[in-house]
């Protein structure tokens, strides 16, 4: 869904991370606190003010967690890497 700050287009919602809405804004991912969401209507999310520096820090943490390399054990748990024979 598209995210608006007041009447201005702000970004696009990507994920929910704890009490944050992850919003892609340009090339950045910002974590907007749930308490800053004013409404969800007509396919758009309206947000109010929030600490952008904190949102940037939490957004970076989200990216780091979501972009971790997959371990061999994780791959095997999904059935990849099994020897056929």
C-alpha atoms as a PDB file:
ATOM      1  CA  UNK A   1       0.000   0.000   0.000  1.00  0.00           C
ATOM      2  CA  UNK A   2       1.151   3.529  -0.615  1.00  0.00           C
ATOM      3  CA  UNK A   3       2.023   5.659   2.381  1.00  0.00           C
ATOM      4  CA  UNK A   4       1.178   9.354   2.642  1.00  0.00           C
ATOM      5  CA  UNK A   5       2.373  11.955   5.107  1.00  0.00           C
ATOM      6  CA  UNK A   6      -0.566  14.292   5.177  1.00  0.00           C
ATOM      7  CA  UNK A   7      -1.435  14.881   1.520  1.00  0.00           C
ATOM      8  CA  UNK A   8       2.069  14.118   0.211  1.00  0.00           C
ATOM      9  CA  UNK A   9       3.146  10.743  -1.116  1.00  0.00           C
ATOM     10  CA  UNK A  10       5.820   9.374   1.238  1.00  0.00           C
ATOM     11  CA  UNK A  11       6.650   5.819   0.132  1.00  0.00           C
ATOM     12  CA  UNK A  12       5.380   2.257  -0.129  1.00  0.00           C
ATOM     13  CA  UNK A  13       4.706  -0.141   2.734  1.00  0.00           C
ATOM     14  CA  UNK A  14       6.876  -3.248   2.558  1.00  0.00           C
ATOM     15  CA  UNK A  15       6.579  -5.175   5.825  1.00  0.00           C
ATOM     16  CA  UNK A  16       5.514  -5.107   9.460  1.00  0.00           C
ATOM     17  CA  UNK A  17       8.408  -5.407  11.909  1.00  0.00           C
ATOM     18  CA  UNK A  18       7.340  -5.580  15.545  1.00  0.00           C
ATOM     19  CA  UNK A  19       5.544  -2.303  16.241  1.00  0.00           C
ATOM     20  CA  UNK A  20       6.843  -0.696  13.052  1.00  0.00           C
ATOM     21  CA  UNK A  21       5.648  -0.392   9.488  1.00  0.00           C
ATOM     22  CA  UNK A  22       8.593  -0.715   7.092  1.00  0.00           C
ATOM     23  CA  UNK A  23       8.257   1.873   4.350  1.00  0.00           C
ATOM     24  CA  UNK A  24      10.447   2.054   1.241  1.00  0.00           C
ATOM     25  CA  UNK A  25      11.270   5.701   0.646  1.00  0.00           C
ATOM     26  CA  UNK A  26      13.501   6.081  -2.403  1.00  0.00           C
ATOM     27  CA  UNK A  27      16.410   3.716  -1.770  1.00  0.00           C
ATOM     28  CA  UNK A  28      15.918   3.702   2.019  1.00  0.00           C
ATOM     29  CA  UNK A  29      13.752   1.618   4.320  1.00  0.00           C
ATOM     30  CA  UNK A  30      12.265   3.520   7.244  1.00  0.00           C
ATOM     31  CA  UNK A  31      10.552   1.928  10.246  1.00  0.00           C
ATOM     32  CA  UNK A  32       7.529   4.087  11.022  1.00  0.00           C
ATOM     33  CA  UNK A  33       6.194   3.437  14.554  1.00  0.00           C
ATOM     34  CA  UNK A  34       2.676   2.017  14.695  1.00  0.00           C
ATOM     35  CA  UNK A  35       1.608   4.944  16.914  1.00  0.00           C
ATOM     36  CA  UNK A  36       2.385   7.316  14.000  1.00  0.00           C
ATOM     37  CA  UNK A  37      -0.147   5.635  11.696  1.00  0.00           C
ATOM     38  CA  UNK A  38      -3.208   7.879  11.625  1.00  0.00           C
ATOM     39  CA  UNK A  39      -5.424   5.827   9.310  1.00  0.00           C
ATOM     40  CA  UNK A  40      -5.619   3.134   6.666  1.00  0.00           C
ATOM     41  CA  UNK A  41      -8.194   3.970   4.006  1.00  0.00           C
ATOM     42  CA  UNK A  42      -8.886   3.547   0.306  1.00  0.00           C
ATOM     43  CA  UNK A  43      -5.721   1.547  -0.306  1.00  0.00           C
ATOM     44  CA  UNK A  44      -3.423   4.065   1.384  1.00  0.00           C
ATOM     45  CA  UNK A  45      -1.810   4.521   4.761  1.00  0.00           C
ATOM     46  CA  UNK A  46      -1.742   8.001   6.318  1.00  0.00           C
ATOM     47  CA  UNK A  47       1.094   8.681   8.774  1.00  0.00           C
ATOM     48  CA  UNK A  48       1.889  11.546  11.115  1.00  0.00           C
ATOM     49  CA  UNK A  49       5.147  12.802  12.557  1.00  0.00           C
ATOM     50  CA  UNK A  50       7.868  10.452  13.812  1.00  0.00           C
ATOM     51  CA  UNK A  51      11.595  10.505  14.581  1.00  0.00           C
ATOM     52  CA  UNK A  52      13.160   9.967  11.153  1.00  0.00           C
ATOM     53  CA  UNK A  53      16.640   9.272  12.532  1.00  0.00           C
ATOM     54  CA  UNK A  54      15.277   6.489  14.751  1.00  0.00           C
ATOM     55  CA  UNK A  55      13.173   5.209  11.821  1.00  0.00           C
ATOM     56  CA  UNK A  56      16.322   5.050   9.695  1.00  0.00           C
ATOM     57  CA  UNK A  57      18.227   3.095  12.395  1.00  0.00           C
ATOM     58  CA  UNK A  58      15.440   0.551  12.859  1.00  0.00           C
ATOM     59  CA  UNK A  59      15.039   0.335   9.070  1.00  0.00           C
ATOM     60  CA  UNK A  60      18.727  -0.548   8.723  1.00  0.00           C
ATOM     61  CA  UNK A  61      18.321  -3.224  11.408  1.00  0.00           C
ATOM     62  CA  UNK A  62      15.352  -4.663   9.462  1.00  0.00           C
ATOM     63  CA  UNK A  63      17.404  -4.759   6.236  1.00  0.00           C
ATOM     64  CA  UNK A  64      20.277  -6.503   8.020  1.00  0.00           C
ATOM     65  CA  UNK A  65      17.948  -9.133   9.482  1.00  0.00           C
ATOM     66  CA  UNK A  66      16.073  -9.704   6.217  1.00  0.00           C
ATOM     67  CA  UNK A  67      19.235  -9.949   4.122  1.00  0.00           C
ATOM     68  CA  UNK A  68      21.142 -12.479   6.223  1.00  0.00           C
ATOM     69  CA  UNK A  69      22.691 -15.223   4.133  1.00  0.00           C
ATOM     70  CA  UNK A  70      20.941 -18.569   4.376  1.00  0.00           C
ATOM     71  CA  UNK A  71      22.864 -21.243   6.252  1.00  0.00           C
ATOM     72  CA  UNK A  72      23.365 -24.769   4.956  1.00  0.00           C
ATOM     73  CA  UNK A  73      21.203 -26.054   7.831  1.00  0.00           C
ATOM     74  CA  UNK A  74      18.349 -23.746   6.793  1.00  0.00           C
ATOM     75  CA  UNK A  75      18.632 -24.906   3.189  1.00  0.00           C
ATOM     76  CA  UNK A  76      18.547 -28.549   4.281  1.00  0.00           C
ATOM     77  CA  UNK A  77      15.481 -27.889   6.442  1.00  0.00           C
ATOM     78  CA  UNK A  78      13.695 -26.781   3.257  1.00  0.00           C
ATOM     79  CA  UNK A  79      14.872 -29.856   1.338  1.00  0.00           C
ATOM     80  CA  UNK A  80      17.729 -28.234  -0.593  1.00  0.00           C
ATOM     81  CA  UNK A  81      21.159 -29.783  -0.800  1.00  0.00           C
ATOM     82  CA  UNK A  82      19.967 -33.304  -0.102  1.00  0.00           C
ATOM     83  CA  UNK A  83      22.014 -35.918  -1.866  1.00  0.00           C
ATOM     84  CA  UNK A  84      19.982 -38.074  -4.212  1.00  0.00           C
ATOM     85  CA  UNK A  85      21.011 -41.610  -4.470  1.00  0.00           C
END
